[in-house]
Amino acid sequence: MLSLFPFVAVFFWFLRAQALLSNITIDDTTGDSVTGALVAYAPADAWTNGQSVACAQGSHCPPGTPNLDNLGGRSFHNSTFSVDSGRHPNVPLTATVQFNGSAVYVYCALSRAPNDNADMIFYLDGVVVGRFSQTPVGTAGYDYTVLVYTNPSIPQGQHTLTIQNGQQNGVRAVMVLDSIVYTQNRRRREPHRHPTGLQPLRAVHALE
C-alpha cells in the first residue's frame, strides 16, 4: 500500500498556487489606472479631447455634445472619418494602447444623429480580430457605455490593441471612445507552510 502523503502534499501546493483575476481600466484621457500608459491617437490633430467641449448634467449642452456625467472618468475622445474631410480626407483614424492581460473590452458612446455612423475595426497585435458597425436611428442624443468589442480569451501577456475609425472610401463615421478594460491573470504563490501535523516528504515507502 502506498503512502497518501505525496498526494496530500501536492493538493496543498495546488491550493497555494492560485490565479488572481483583476479588471483594469484604461481611461481615454488619463490612461491605464495601474501603469499610467496612455492611449495613442493618430493623427493626433484628428481627435478631440472631450473634456474641453463637453458639458455637465443640468447645464446647457451644445447640440451633439456628449454628457460627461454619463461617461467613465467624465471624459472622452472623439474623431470623425470622412472621405472629404478638410484636414485628413479619406484617412482612417486610430486609437492604440498596450496592455498586459488575458481579455479586453472596449466601451464607446454612440451618436444617434443622422449620418453619425459607427464603423470600427479592431486589431490585436496587428491582426484584425473584430468589427463594429451601426447606422444611427436619426434622433438626438447618445447611447452610453456601449460594449463595441469584447475578447475574453486571449493569451495572457503583452498585447497591442488598435481601434480604427472608418475605412477608406467608406461611410462617414464617428467614434467616441470612453474606456478600455482589460483582465489581468496573475498567479500568486503563498509562502510554503506544512499542513498541521505533517512533515516534509523525504521518501515514499511501500508498506507491507
N, C-alpha and C. Protein backbone atom coordinates (compact mmCIF):
# COMPACT_ATOMS: atom_id res chain seq x y z
N MET A 1 0.85 -1.19 0.00
CA MET A 1 0.00 0.00 0.00
C MET A 1 0.88 1.24 0.00
N LEU A 2 0.59 2.19 -0.87
CA LEU A 2 1.39 3.41 -0.96
C LEU A 2 0.92 4.45 0.03
N SER A 3 1.85 5.24 0.51
CA SER A 3 1.52 6.33 1.41
C SER A 3 0.72 7.40 0.67
N LEU A 4 -0.27 7.98 1.35
CA LEU A 4 -1.07 9.06 0.77
C LEU A 4 -0.38 10.41 0.93
N PHE A 5 0.74 10.42 1.64
CA PHE A 5 1.38 11.70 1.94
C PHE A 5 1.73 12.52 0.70
N PRO A 6 2.33 11.94 -0.36
CA PRO A 6 2.69 12.77 -1.52
C PRO A 6 1.48 13.41 -2.18
N PHE A 7 0.35 12.70 -2.17
CA PHE A 7 -0.85 13.26 -2.78
C PHE A 7 -1.39 14.44 -1.96
N VAL A 8 -1.30 14.32 -0.63
CA VAL A 8 -1.71 15.42 0.24
C VAL A 8 -0.82 16.63 0.01
N ALA A 9 0.49 16.39 -0.12
CA ALA A 9 1.43 17.49 -0.33
C ALA A 9 1.13 18.21 -1.63
N VAL A 10 0.86 17.46 -2.70
CA VAL A 10 0.54 18.07 -4.00
C VAL A 10 -0.74 18.88 -3.91
N PHE A 11 -1.72 18.37 -3.18
CA PHE A 11 -3.00 19.08 -3.04
C PHE A 11 -2.80 20.43 -2.38
N PHE A 12 -2.04 20.48 -1.31
CA PHE A 12 -1.82 21.75 -0.63
C PHE A 12 -0.97 22.69 -1.48
N TRP A 13 -0.05 22.17 -2.28
CA TRP A 13 0.71 23.03 -3.20
C TRP A 13 -0.21 23.66 -4.21
N PHE A 14 -1.17 22.88 -4.71
CA PHE A 14 -2.12 23.39 -5.70
C PHE A 14 -2.95 24.52 -5.11
N LEU A 15 -3.34 24.39 -3.85
CA LEU A 15 -4.12 25.44 -3.22
C LEU A 15 -3.32 26.73 -3.06
N ARG A 16 -1.99 26.58 -2.87
CA ARG A 16 -1.17 27.77 -2.68
C ARG A 16 -0.98 28.54 -3.98
N ALA A 17 -0.95 27.83 -5.12
CA ALA A 17 -0.75 28.48 -6.42
C ALA A 17 -2.12 28.73 -7.03
N GLN A 18 -2.59 29.93 -7.02
CA GLN A 18 -3.93 30.23 -7.49
C GLN A 18 -3.90 31.47 -8.37
N ALA A 19 -4.86 31.52 -9.30
CA ALA A 19 -4.91 32.64 -10.24
C ALA A 19 -5.67 33.81 -9.62
N LEU A 20 -5.15 34.99 -9.83
CA LEU A 20 -5.81 36.21 -9.38
C LEU A 20 -6.23 37.00 -10.60
N LEU A 21 -7.52 37.20 -10.79
CA LEU A 21 -8.04 37.94 -11.93
C LEU A 21 -8.43 39.34 -11.47
N SER A 22 -8.00 40.34 -12.21
CA SER A 22 -8.37 41.71 -11.88
C SER A 22 -8.64 42.48 -13.16
N ASN A 23 -9.68 43.31 -13.14
CA ASN A 23 -10.01 44.16 -14.28
C ASN A 23 -9.39 45.53 -14.09
N ILE A 24 -8.71 46.01 -15.11
CA ILE A 24 -8.00 47.29 -15.06
C ILE A 24 -8.54 48.19 -16.16
N THR A 25 -8.86 49.43 -15.81
CA THR A 25 -9.44 50.37 -16.76
C THR A 25 -8.38 51.28 -17.36
N ILE A 26 -8.46 51.44 -18.68
CA ILE A 26 -7.65 52.43 -19.38
C ILE A 26 -8.59 53.55 -19.80
N ASP A 27 -8.52 54.67 -19.13
CA ASP A 27 -9.38 55.81 -19.47
C ASP A 27 -8.88 56.47 -20.75
N ASP A 28 -9.79 57.00 -21.53
CA ASP A 28 -9.41 57.61 -22.80
C ASP A 28 -8.45 58.78 -22.62
N THR A 29 -8.50 59.44 -21.46
CA THR A 29 -7.68 60.63 -21.22
C THR A 29 -6.55 60.38 -20.24
N THR A 30 -6.86 59.78 -19.08
CA THR A 30 -5.85 59.61 -18.03
C THR A 30 -5.06 58.32 -18.19
N GLY A 31 -5.52 57.40 -19.03
CA GLY A 31 -4.77 56.20 -19.32
C GLY A 31 -4.97 55.06 -18.34
N ASP A 32 -4.01 54.14 -18.32
CA ASP A 32 -4.07 52.92 -17.51
C ASP A 32 -4.02 53.28 -16.03
N SER A 33 -5.00 52.79 -15.27
CA SER A 33 -5.08 53.13 -13.85
C SER A 33 -3.96 52.49 -13.04
N VAL A 34 -3.25 51.51 -13.60
CA VAL A 34 -2.16 50.85 -12.89
C VAL A 34 -0.80 51.30 -13.42
N THR A 35 -0.60 51.21 -14.73
CA THR A 35 0.71 51.52 -15.31
C THR A 35 0.86 52.97 -15.75
N GLY A 36 -0.26 53.66 -15.95
CA GLY A 36 -0.20 55.04 -16.42
C GLY A 36 -0.06 55.17 -17.92
N ALA A 37 0.00 54.04 -18.65
CA ALA A 37 0.15 54.09 -20.11
C ALA A 37 -1.05 54.80 -20.73
N LEU A 38 -0.78 55.67 -21.70
CA LEU A 38 -1.83 56.47 -22.34
C LEU A 38 -2.23 55.89 -23.68
N VAL A 39 -3.44 56.22 -24.10
CA VAL A 39 -3.90 55.85 -25.43
C VAL A 39 -3.22 56.77 -26.44
N ALA A 40 -2.71 56.20 -27.53
CA ALA A 40 -2.06 56.99 -28.59
C ALA A 40 -3.06 57.20 -29.72
N TYR A 41 -3.34 58.47 -30.03
CA TYR A 41 -4.32 58.81 -31.06
C TYR A 41 -3.60 59.30 -32.32
N ALA A 42 -4.07 58.81 -33.47
CA ALA A 42 -3.43 59.20 -34.74
C ALA A 42 -4.47 59.33 -35.86
N PRO A 43 -4.28 60.35 -36.71
CA PRO A 43 -3.42 61.51 -36.49
C PRO A 43 -3.88 62.28 -35.25
N ALA A 44 -2.95 62.81 -34.50
CA ALA A 44 -3.27 63.43 -33.22
C ALA A 44 -4.25 64.58 -33.36
N ASP A 45 -4.11 65.38 -34.43
CA ASP A 45 -4.98 66.55 -34.58
C ASP A 45 -6.36 66.20 -35.14
N ALA A 46 -6.60 64.91 -35.36
CA ALA A 46 -7.93 64.49 -35.83
C ALA A 46 -8.83 64.07 -34.67
N TRP A 47 -8.27 64.06 -33.47
CA TRP A 47 -9.02 63.65 -32.29
C TRP A 47 -9.24 64.85 -31.37
N THR A 48 -10.40 64.86 -30.73
CA THR A 48 -10.75 65.93 -29.80
C THR A 48 -10.88 65.38 -28.40
N ASN A 49 -10.23 66.05 -27.45
CA ASN A 49 -10.38 65.71 -26.04
C ASN A 49 -11.71 66.26 -25.57
N GLY A 50 -12.64 65.38 -25.26
CA GLY A 50 -14.00 65.80 -24.94
C GLY A 50 -14.12 66.67 -23.72
N GLN A 51 -13.14 66.63 -22.82
CA GLN A 51 -13.24 67.46 -21.62
C GLN A 51 -13.26 68.95 -21.95
N SER A 52 -12.75 69.29 -23.12
CA SER A 52 -12.69 70.71 -23.48
C SER A 52 -13.96 71.20 -24.17
N VAL A 53 -14.85 70.26 -24.54
CA VAL A 53 -16.04 70.69 -25.28
C VAL A 53 -17.33 70.18 -24.67
N ALA A 54 -17.24 69.26 -23.71
CA ALA A 54 -18.45 68.64 -23.18
C ALA A 54 -19.07 69.48 -22.08
N CYS A 55 -20.21 69.02 -21.61
CA CYS A 55 -20.92 69.76 -20.57
C CYS A 55 -21.43 68.80 -19.52
N ALA A 56 -21.75 69.33 -18.36
CA ALA A 56 -22.21 68.52 -17.25
C ALA A 56 -23.73 68.52 -17.16
N GLN A 57 -24.25 67.58 -16.39
CA GLN A 57 -25.68 67.46 -16.21
C GLN A 57 -26.25 68.77 -15.66
N GLY A 58 -27.36 69.21 -16.24
CA GLY A 58 -28.04 70.40 -15.76
C GLY A 58 -27.60 71.68 -16.43
N SER A 59 -26.49 71.65 -17.17
CA SER A 59 -26.05 72.85 -17.87
C SER A 59 -26.51 72.79 -19.32
N HIS A 60 -26.35 73.88 -20.04
CA HIS A 60 -26.76 73.93 -21.44
C HIS A 60 -25.70 73.25 -22.30
N CYS A 61 -26.09 72.14 -22.93
CA CYS A 61 -25.15 71.38 -23.74
C CYS A 61 -25.25 71.81 -25.20
N PRO A 62 -24.14 72.12 -25.83
CA PRO A 62 -24.18 72.42 -27.26
C PRO A 62 -24.76 71.23 -28.02
N PRO A 63 -25.45 71.46 -29.12
CA PRO A 63 -26.04 70.35 -29.88
C PRO A 63 -24.99 69.31 -30.26
N GLY A 64 -25.34 68.06 -30.05
CA GLY A 64 -24.46 66.97 -30.44
C GLY A 64 -23.30 66.69 -29.51
N THR A 65 -23.32 67.27 -28.31
CA THR A 65 -22.21 67.09 -27.37
C THR A 65 -22.55 66.03 -26.33
N PRO A 66 -21.69 65.03 -26.14
CA PRO A 66 -21.94 64.02 -25.10
C PRO A 66 -21.93 64.64 -23.71
N ASN A 67 -22.66 64.02 -22.79
CA ASN A 67 -22.73 64.49 -21.42
C ASN A 67 -21.66 63.79 -20.58
N LEU A 68 -20.78 64.56 -19.96
CA LEU A 68 -19.68 63.99 -19.18
C LEU A 68 -20.17 63.12 -18.04
N ASP A 69 -21.32 63.44 -17.47
CA ASP A 69 -21.81 62.68 -16.33
C ASP A 69 -22.17 61.24 -16.71
N ASN A 70 -22.31 60.98 -17.98
CA ASN A 70 -22.65 59.63 -18.43
C ASN A 70 -21.44 58.85 -18.95
N LEU A 71 -20.24 59.39 -18.73
CA LEU A 71 -19.02 58.79 -19.26
C LEU A 71 -18.05 58.45 -18.13
N GLY A 72 -17.40 57.30 -18.24
CA GLY A 72 -16.41 56.91 -17.24
C GLY A 72 -15.27 57.91 -17.19
N GLY A 73 -14.90 58.32 -15.98
CA GLY A 73 -13.84 59.30 -15.83
C GLY A 73 -14.24 60.69 -16.27
N ARG A 74 -15.51 60.88 -16.62
CA ARG A 74 -16.04 62.17 -17.09
C ARG A 74 -15.18 62.72 -18.22
N SER A 75 -14.87 61.86 -19.18
CA SER A 75 -14.06 62.29 -20.32
C SER A 75 -14.33 61.39 -21.51
N PHE A 76 -13.92 61.85 -22.69
CA PHE A 76 -13.99 61.04 -23.90
C PHE A 76 -13.07 61.63 -24.95
N HIS A 77 -12.73 60.83 -25.94
CA HIS A 77 -12.02 61.30 -27.13
C HIS A 77 -12.85 60.91 -28.35
N ASN A 78 -13.03 61.85 -29.25
CA ASN A 78 -13.84 61.55 -30.42
C ASN A 78 -13.14 61.99 -31.70
N SER A 79 -13.51 61.32 -32.79
CA SER A 79 -12.99 61.67 -34.11
C SER A 79 -14.07 61.39 -35.14
N THR A 80 -13.95 62.05 -36.30
CA THR A 80 -14.90 61.85 -37.39
C THR A 80 -14.13 61.52 -38.66
N PHE A 81 -14.43 60.35 -39.22
CA PHE A 81 -13.84 59.97 -40.50
C PHE A 81 -14.76 60.41 -41.63
N SER A 82 -14.14 60.96 -42.69
CA SER A 82 -14.92 61.36 -43.87
C SER A 82 -14.00 61.33 -45.09
N VAL A 83 -14.54 60.88 -46.22
CA VAL A 83 -13.73 60.82 -47.44
C VAL A 83 -13.35 62.21 -47.92
N ASP A 84 -14.12 63.22 -47.52
CA ASP A 84 -13.83 64.58 -47.97
C ASP A 84 -13.51 65.51 -46.80
N SER A 85 -12.95 64.95 -45.73
CA SER A 85 -12.56 65.77 -44.59
C SER A 85 -11.55 66.82 -45.01
N GLY A 86 -11.69 68.02 -44.47
CA GLY A 86 -10.78 69.09 -44.85
C GLY A 86 -9.37 68.90 -44.34
N ARG A 87 -9.21 68.18 -43.21
CA ARG A 87 -7.89 68.03 -42.60
C ARG A 87 -7.22 66.71 -42.99
N HIS A 88 -7.96 65.62 -42.91
CA HIS A 88 -7.40 64.30 -43.25
C HIS A 88 -8.41 63.54 -44.10
N PRO A 89 -8.58 63.94 -45.35
CA PRO A 89 -9.58 63.29 -46.20
C PRO A 89 -9.27 61.82 -46.47
N ASN A 90 -10.29 60.99 -46.25
CA ASN A 90 -10.21 59.56 -46.57
C ASN A 90 -9.09 58.83 -45.82
N VAL A 91 -8.74 59.33 -44.63
CA VAL A 91 -7.70 58.70 -43.82
C VAL A 91 -8.35 58.11 -42.57
N PRO A 92 -8.35 56.78 -42.41
CA PRO A 92 -8.89 56.17 -41.19
C PRO A 92 -8.12 56.66 -39.97
N LEU A 93 -8.81 56.82 -38.86
CA LEU A 93 -8.24 57.36 -37.63
C LEU A 93 -8.11 56.24 -36.61
N THR A 94 -7.07 56.29 -35.79
CA THR A 94 -6.81 55.16 -34.89
C THR A 94 -6.56 55.60 -33.45
N ALA A 95 -6.88 54.68 -32.55
CA ALA A 95 -6.56 54.81 -31.13
C ALA A 95 -5.87 53.51 -30.73
N THR A 96 -4.65 53.61 -30.18
CA THR A 96 -3.84 52.42 -29.90
C THR A 96 -3.39 52.42 -28.44
N VAL A 97 -3.41 51.23 -27.84
CA VAL A 97 -2.98 51.11 -26.46
C VAL A 97 -2.32 49.75 -26.26
N GLN A 98 -1.38 49.70 -25.31
CA GLN A 98 -0.73 48.44 -24.95
C GLN A 98 -1.19 48.02 -23.56
N PHE A 99 -1.32 46.71 -23.37
CA PHE A 99 -1.74 46.20 -22.07
C PHE A 99 -1.19 44.79 -21.89
N ASN A 100 -1.14 44.36 -20.65
CA ASN A 100 -0.69 43.01 -20.32
C ASN A 100 -1.87 42.29 -19.67
N GLY A 101 -2.52 41.42 -20.43
CA GLY A 101 -3.71 40.78 -19.90
C GLY A 101 -4.16 39.58 -20.70
N SER A 102 -5.33 39.06 -20.31
CA SER A 102 -5.89 37.85 -20.94
C SER A 102 -7.28 38.08 -21.50
N ALA A 103 -7.79 39.31 -21.44
CA ALA A 103 -9.09 39.65 -22.01
C ALA A 103 -9.13 41.16 -22.17
N VAL A 104 -9.96 41.65 -23.11
CA VAL A 104 -10.04 43.09 -23.32
C VAL A 104 -11.44 43.47 -23.80
N TYR A 105 -11.89 44.65 -23.36
CA TYR A 105 -13.23 45.14 -23.67
C TYR A 105 -13.14 46.63 -24.00
N VAL A 106 -13.90 47.06 -25.02
CA VAL A 106 -13.87 48.46 -25.45
C VAL A 106 -15.27 49.06 -25.31
N TYR A 107 -15.33 50.22 -24.65
CA TYR A 107 -16.61 50.90 -24.43
C TYR A 107 -16.61 52.26 -25.13
N CYS A 108 -17.69 52.53 -25.84
CA CYS A 108 -17.85 53.80 -26.55
C CYS A 108 -19.22 54.39 -26.28
N ALA A 109 -19.37 55.66 -26.60
CA ALA A 109 -20.69 56.29 -26.68
C ALA A 109 -21.04 56.36 -28.16
N LEU A 110 -22.27 56.02 -28.51
CA LEU A 110 -22.69 56.01 -29.91
C LEU A 110 -23.71 57.11 -30.16
N SER A 111 -23.42 57.93 -31.16
CA SER A 111 -24.32 59.02 -31.52
C SER A 111 -25.54 58.48 -32.25
N ARG A 112 -26.70 59.09 -31.95
CA ARG A 112 -27.94 58.71 -32.64
C ARG A 112 -28.23 59.64 -33.82
N ALA A 113 -27.41 60.68 -34.00
CA ALA A 113 -27.69 61.70 -35.01
C ALA A 113 -27.56 61.14 -36.43
N PRO A 114 -28.32 61.69 -37.38
CA PRO A 114 -28.22 61.24 -38.77
C PRO A 114 -26.78 61.38 -39.29
N ASN A 115 -26.33 60.40 -40.04
CA ASN A 115 -25.00 60.38 -40.67
C ASN A 115 -23.86 60.12 -39.70
N ASP A 116 -24.13 59.99 -38.40
CA ASP A 116 -23.07 59.67 -37.44
C ASP A 116 -22.94 58.15 -37.32
N ASN A 117 -22.54 57.53 -38.41
CA ASN A 117 -22.40 56.07 -38.41
C ASN A 117 -21.27 55.61 -37.49
N ALA A 118 -21.40 54.40 -36.99
CA ALA A 118 -20.29 53.74 -36.29
C ALA A 118 -19.69 52.72 -37.24
N ASP A 119 -18.38 52.80 -37.44
CA ASP A 119 -17.69 51.88 -38.36
C ASP A 119 -16.28 51.66 -37.84
N MET A 120 -16.11 50.66 -36.99
CA MET A 120 -14.83 50.42 -36.32
C MET A 120 -14.25 49.06 -36.68
N ILE A 121 -12.94 49.01 -36.77
CA ILE A 121 -12.21 47.76 -36.97
C ILE A 121 -11.21 47.62 -35.83
N PHE A 122 -11.09 46.42 -35.28
CA PHE A 122 -10.22 46.19 -34.12
C PHE A 122 -9.06 45.27 -34.51
N TYR A 123 -7.86 45.72 -34.16
CA TYR A 123 -6.64 44.95 -34.43
C TYR A 123 -6.00 44.56 -33.10
N LEU A 124 -5.65 43.30 -32.96
CA LEU A 124 -4.91 42.84 -31.80
C LEU A 124 -3.57 42.30 -32.28
N ASP A 125 -2.51 42.98 -31.86
CA ASP A 125 -1.15 42.61 -32.29
C ASP A 125 -1.04 42.59 -33.81
N GLY A 126 -1.68 43.57 -34.45
CA GLY A 126 -1.58 43.73 -35.89
C GLY A 126 -2.52 42.89 -36.73
N VAL A 127 -3.36 42.08 -36.08
CA VAL A 127 -4.28 41.20 -36.80
C VAL A 127 -5.72 41.65 -36.56
N VAL A 128 -6.52 41.71 -37.62
CA VAL A 128 -7.93 42.07 -37.47
C VAL A 128 -8.65 41.00 -36.66
N VAL A 129 -9.29 41.43 -35.56
CA VAL A 129 -9.98 40.47 -34.69
C VAL A 129 -11.45 40.80 -34.49
N GLY A 130 -11.91 41.92 -35.04
CA GLY A 130 -13.32 42.26 -34.86
C GLY A 130 -13.71 43.52 -35.60
N ARG A 131 -15.02 43.67 -35.78
CA ARG A 131 -15.58 44.86 -36.43
C ARG A 131 -16.87 45.24 -35.70
N PHE A 132 -17.16 46.52 -35.74
CA PHE A 132 -18.44 47.01 -35.20
C PHE A 132 -18.96 48.10 -36.12
N SER A 133 -20.19 47.93 -36.57
CA SER A 133 -20.82 48.95 -37.41
C SER A 133 -22.27 49.10 -37.00
N GLN A 134 -22.74 50.33 -37.09
CA GLN A 134 -24.13 50.60 -36.72
C GLN A 134 -24.60 51.87 -37.40
N THR A 135 -25.81 51.83 -37.93
CA THR A 135 -26.43 53.00 -38.54
C THR A 135 -27.26 53.71 -37.49
N PRO A 136 -27.08 55.02 -37.31
CA PRO A 136 -27.82 55.73 -36.26
C PRO A 136 -29.31 55.77 -36.54
N VAL A 137 -30.09 55.92 -35.47
CA VAL A 137 -31.55 55.95 -35.62
C VAL A 137 -32.04 57.29 -36.15
N GLY A 138 -31.20 58.33 -36.07
CA GLY A 138 -31.57 59.62 -36.64
C GLY A 138 -32.24 60.56 -35.66
N THR A 139 -32.00 60.36 -34.35
CA THR A 139 -32.56 61.26 -33.34
C THR A 139 -31.41 61.89 -32.55
N ALA A 140 -31.77 62.78 -31.63
CA ALA A 140 -30.74 63.47 -30.84
C ALA A 140 -30.24 62.56 -29.72
N GLY A 141 -29.03 62.85 -29.25
CA GLY A 141 -28.51 62.16 -28.08
C GLY A 141 -27.52 61.05 -28.38
N TYR A 142 -27.12 60.38 -27.31
CA TYR A 142 -26.12 59.31 -27.38
C TYR A 142 -26.58 58.10 -26.58
N ASP A 143 -26.07 56.96 -26.97
CA ASP A 143 -26.15 55.76 -26.14
C ASP A 143 -24.79 55.59 -25.48
N TYR A 144 -24.79 55.48 -24.14
CA TYR A 144 -23.52 55.48 -23.41
C TYR A 144 -23.13 54.07 -22.95
N THR A 145 -21.83 53.92 -22.69
CA THR A 145 -21.25 52.67 -22.18
C THR A 145 -21.66 51.48 -23.05
N VAL A 146 -21.51 51.64 -24.35
CA VAL A 146 -21.83 50.57 -25.29
C VAL A 146 -20.59 49.70 -25.48
N LEU A 147 -20.73 48.41 -25.26
CA LEU A 147 -19.63 47.47 -25.44
C LEU A 147 -19.51 47.17 -26.94
N VAL A 148 -18.51 47.76 -27.58
CA VAL A 148 -18.36 47.61 -29.03
C VAL A 148 -17.39 46.50 -29.41
N TYR A 149 -16.59 46.07 -28.46
CA TYR A 149 -15.68 44.95 -28.74
C TYR A 149 -15.38 44.20 -27.46
N THR A 150 -15.42 42.88 -27.54
CA THR A 150 -15.08 42.05 -26.38
C THR A 150 -14.28 40.85 -26.85
N ASN A 151 -13.22 40.54 -26.12
CA ASN A 151 -12.40 39.37 -26.41
C ASN A 151 -11.97 38.78 -25.07
N PRO A 152 -12.72 37.80 -24.56
CA PRO A 152 -12.48 37.29 -23.21
C PRO A 152 -11.43 36.20 -23.11
N SER A 153 -10.82 35.79 -24.21
CA SER A 153 -9.92 34.64 -24.14
C SER A 153 -8.70 34.81 -25.05
N ILE A 154 -7.83 35.72 -24.67
CA ILE A 154 -6.57 35.89 -25.39
C ILE A 154 -5.43 35.40 -24.50
N PRO A 155 -4.31 34.99 -25.08
CA PRO A 155 -3.20 34.50 -24.25
C PRO A 155 -2.72 35.59 -23.28
N GLN A 156 -2.54 35.22 -22.02
CA GLN A 156 -2.02 36.16 -21.05
C GLN A 156 -0.65 36.66 -21.50
N GLY A 157 -0.49 37.99 -21.53
CA GLY A 157 0.78 38.56 -21.94
C GLY A 157 0.62 39.97 -22.46
N GLN A 158 1.68 40.49 -23.04
CA GLN A 158 1.70 41.86 -23.56
C GLN A 158 1.03 41.90 -24.93
N HIS A 159 0.10 42.84 -25.11
CA HIS A 159 -0.63 42.95 -26.37
C HIS A 159 -0.77 44.42 -26.77
N THR A 160 -1.01 44.63 -28.06
CA THR A 160 -1.29 45.96 -28.59
C THR A 160 -2.66 45.94 -29.26
N LEU A 161 -3.54 46.81 -28.79
CA LEU A 161 -4.89 46.92 -29.36
C LEU A 161 -4.99 48.23 -30.12
N THR A 162 -5.44 48.15 -31.37
CA THR A 162 -5.67 49.34 -32.19
C THR A 162 -7.13 49.36 -32.64
N ILE A 163 -7.78 50.49 -32.42
CA ILE A 163 -9.16 50.68 -32.86
C ILE A 163 -9.14 51.65 -34.02
N GLN A 164 -9.67 51.24 -35.14
CA GLN A 164 -9.68 52.09 -36.34
C GLN A 164 -11.08 52.63 -36.57
N ASN A 165 -11.16 53.94 -36.74
CA ASN A 165 -12.43 54.60 -37.03
C ASN A 165 -12.52 54.90 -38.52
N GLY A 166 -13.46 54.23 -39.21
CA GLY A 166 -13.66 54.47 -40.63
C GLY A 166 -12.79 53.61 -41.52
N GLN A 167 -13.20 53.49 -42.78
CA GLN A 167 -12.45 52.75 -43.79
C GLN A 167 -12.31 53.60 -45.04
N GLN A 168 -11.21 53.46 -45.73
CA GLN A 168 -11.00 54.23 -46.95
C GLN A 168 -12.18 54.03 -47.91
N ASN A 169 -12.67 55.16 -48.42
CA ASN A 169 -13.82 55.19 -49.34
C ASN A 169 -15.11 54.69 -48.69
N GLY A 170 -15.10 54.66 -47.36
CA GLY A 170 -16.28 54.18 -46.64
C GLY A 170 -17.21 55.31 -46.22
N VAL A 171 -18.19 54.96 -45.41
CA VAL A 171 -19.19 55.93 -44.96
C VAL A 171 -18.58 56.87 -43.92
N ARG A 172 -19.21 58.01 -43.75
CA ARG A 172 -18.82 58.93 -42.68
C ARG A 172 -19.01 58.19 -41.35
N ALA A 173 -18.02 58.28 -40.48
CA ALA A 173 -18.07 57.52 -39.24
C ALA A 173 -17.60 58.37 -38.07
N VAL A 174 -18.32 58.26 -36.96
CA VAL A 174 -17.99 58.99 -35.73
C VAL A 174 -17.66 57.97 -34.64
N MET A 175 -16.56 58.21 -33.95
CA MET A 175 -16.17 57.34 -32.83
C MET A 175 -15.98 58.19 -31.59
N VAL A 176 -16.62 57.79 -30.50
CA VAL A 176 -16.49 58.46 -29.20
C VAL A 176 -15.98 57.41 -28.21
N LEU A 177 -14.68 57.42 -27.96
CA LEU A 177 -14.07 56.42 -27.07
C LEU A 177 -14.24 56.84 -25.61
N ASP A 178 -14.77 55.91 -24.82
CA ASP A 178 -14.95 56.15 -23.39
C ASP A 178 -13.82 55.49 -22.60
N SER A 179 -13.71 54.16 -22.71
CA SER A 179 -12.67 53.47 -21.94
C SER A 179 -12.40 52.09 -22.53
N ILE A 180 -11.27 51.53 -22.14
CA ILE A 180 -10.87 50.17 -22.48
C ILE A 180 -10.59 49.45 -21.16
N VAL A 181 -11.13 48.26 -21.01
CA VAL A 181 -10.92 47.47 -19.80
C VAL A 181 -10.23 46.16 -20.19
N TYR A 182 -9.19 45.79 -19.45
CA TYR A 182 -8.56 44.50 -19.70
C TYR A 182 -8.46 43.70 -18.40
N THR A 183 -8.44 42.39 -18.56
CA THR A 183 -8.34 41.48 -17.42
C THR A 183 -6.92 40.96 -17.33
N GLN A 184 -6.36 41.03 -16.13
CA GLN A 184 -5.00 40.54 -15.92
C GLN A 184 -5.06 39.29 -15.05
N ASN A 185 -4.39 38.26 -15.49
CA ASN A 185 -4.36 36.97 -14.81
C ASN A 185 -2.99 36.78 -14.18
N ARG A 186 -2.94 36.94 -12.88
CA ARG A 186 -1.67 36.78 -12.17
C ARG A 186 -1.74 35.56 -11.26
N ARG A 187 -0.63 34.88 -11.13
CA ARG A 187 -0.59 33.72 -10.25
C ARG A 187 0.14 34.10 -8.96
N ARG A 188 -0.49 33.77 -7.84
CA ARG A 188 0.09 34.08 -6.54
C ARG A 188 0.60 32.80 -5.90
N ARG A 189 1.82 32.84 -5.42
CA ARG A 189 2.40 31.70 -4.72
C ARG A 189 2.59 32.11 -3.26
N GLU A 190 1.81 31.50 -2.36
CA GLU A 190 1.92 31.84 -0.94
C GLU A 190 3.17 31.20 -0.33
N PRO A 191 3.67 31.76 0.76
CA PRO A 191 4.82 31.14 1.44
C PRO A 191 4.51 29.69 1.80
N HIS A 192 5.50 28.83 1.66
CA HIS A 192 5.29 27.40 1.91
C HIS A 192 5.01 27.15 3.38
N ARG A 193 3.91 26.46 3.65
CA ARG A 193 3.58 26.06 5.01
C ARG A 193 3.20 24.58 4.99
N HIS A 194 3.69 23.83 5.99
CA HIS A 194 3.34 22.43 6.07
C HIS A 194 1.98 22.29 6.73
N PRO A 195 1.10 21.47 6.20
CA PRO A 195 -0.18 21.23 6.87
C PRO A 195 0.05 20.78 8.30
N THR A 196 -0.86 21.18 9.19
CA THR A 196 -0.71 20.86 10.61
C THR A 196 -0.51 19.35 10.81
N GLY A 197 0.53 19.04 11.54
CA GLY A 197 0.78 17.64 11.86
C GLY A 197 1.55 16.88 10.80
N LEU A 198 1.86 17.52 9.66
CA LEU A 198 2.58 16.84 8.60
C LEU A 198 3.99 17.41 8.48
N GLN A 199 4.91 16.57 8.08
CA GLN A 199 6.30 16.98 7.92
C GLN A 199 6.69 16.86 6.45
N PRO A 200 7.78 17.53 6.03
CA PRO A 200 8.21 17.47 4.63
C PRO A 200 8.43 16.03 4.19
N LEU A 201 8.06 15.77 2.95
CA LEU A 201 8.22 14.44 2.38
C LEU A 201 9.69 14.17 2.08
N ARG A 202 10.22 13.08 2.62
CA ARG A 202 11.62 12.73 2.38
C ARG A 202 11.71 11.53 1.43
N ALA A 203 10.84 10.58 1.59
CA ALA A 203 10.88 9.40 0.73
C ALA A 203 9.52 8.75 0.75
N VAL A 204 9.24 8.00 -0.29
CA VAL A 204 7.98 7.27 -0.37
C VAL A 204 8.30 5.80 -0.19
N HIS A 205 7.67 5.18 0.79
CA HIS A 205 7.94 3.78 1.07
C HIS A 205 6.68 2.96 0.84
N ALA A 206 6.86 1.80 0.30
CA ALA A 206 5.75 0.86 0.18
C ALA A 206 5.56 0.18 1.52
N LEU A 207 4.31 0.09 1.97
CA LEU A 207 4.02 -0.55 3.24
C LEU A 207 3.65 -2.00 2.99
N GLU A 208 4.20 -2.86 3.80
CA GLU A 208 3.90 -4.29 3.66
C GLU A 208 2.80 -4.67 4.64
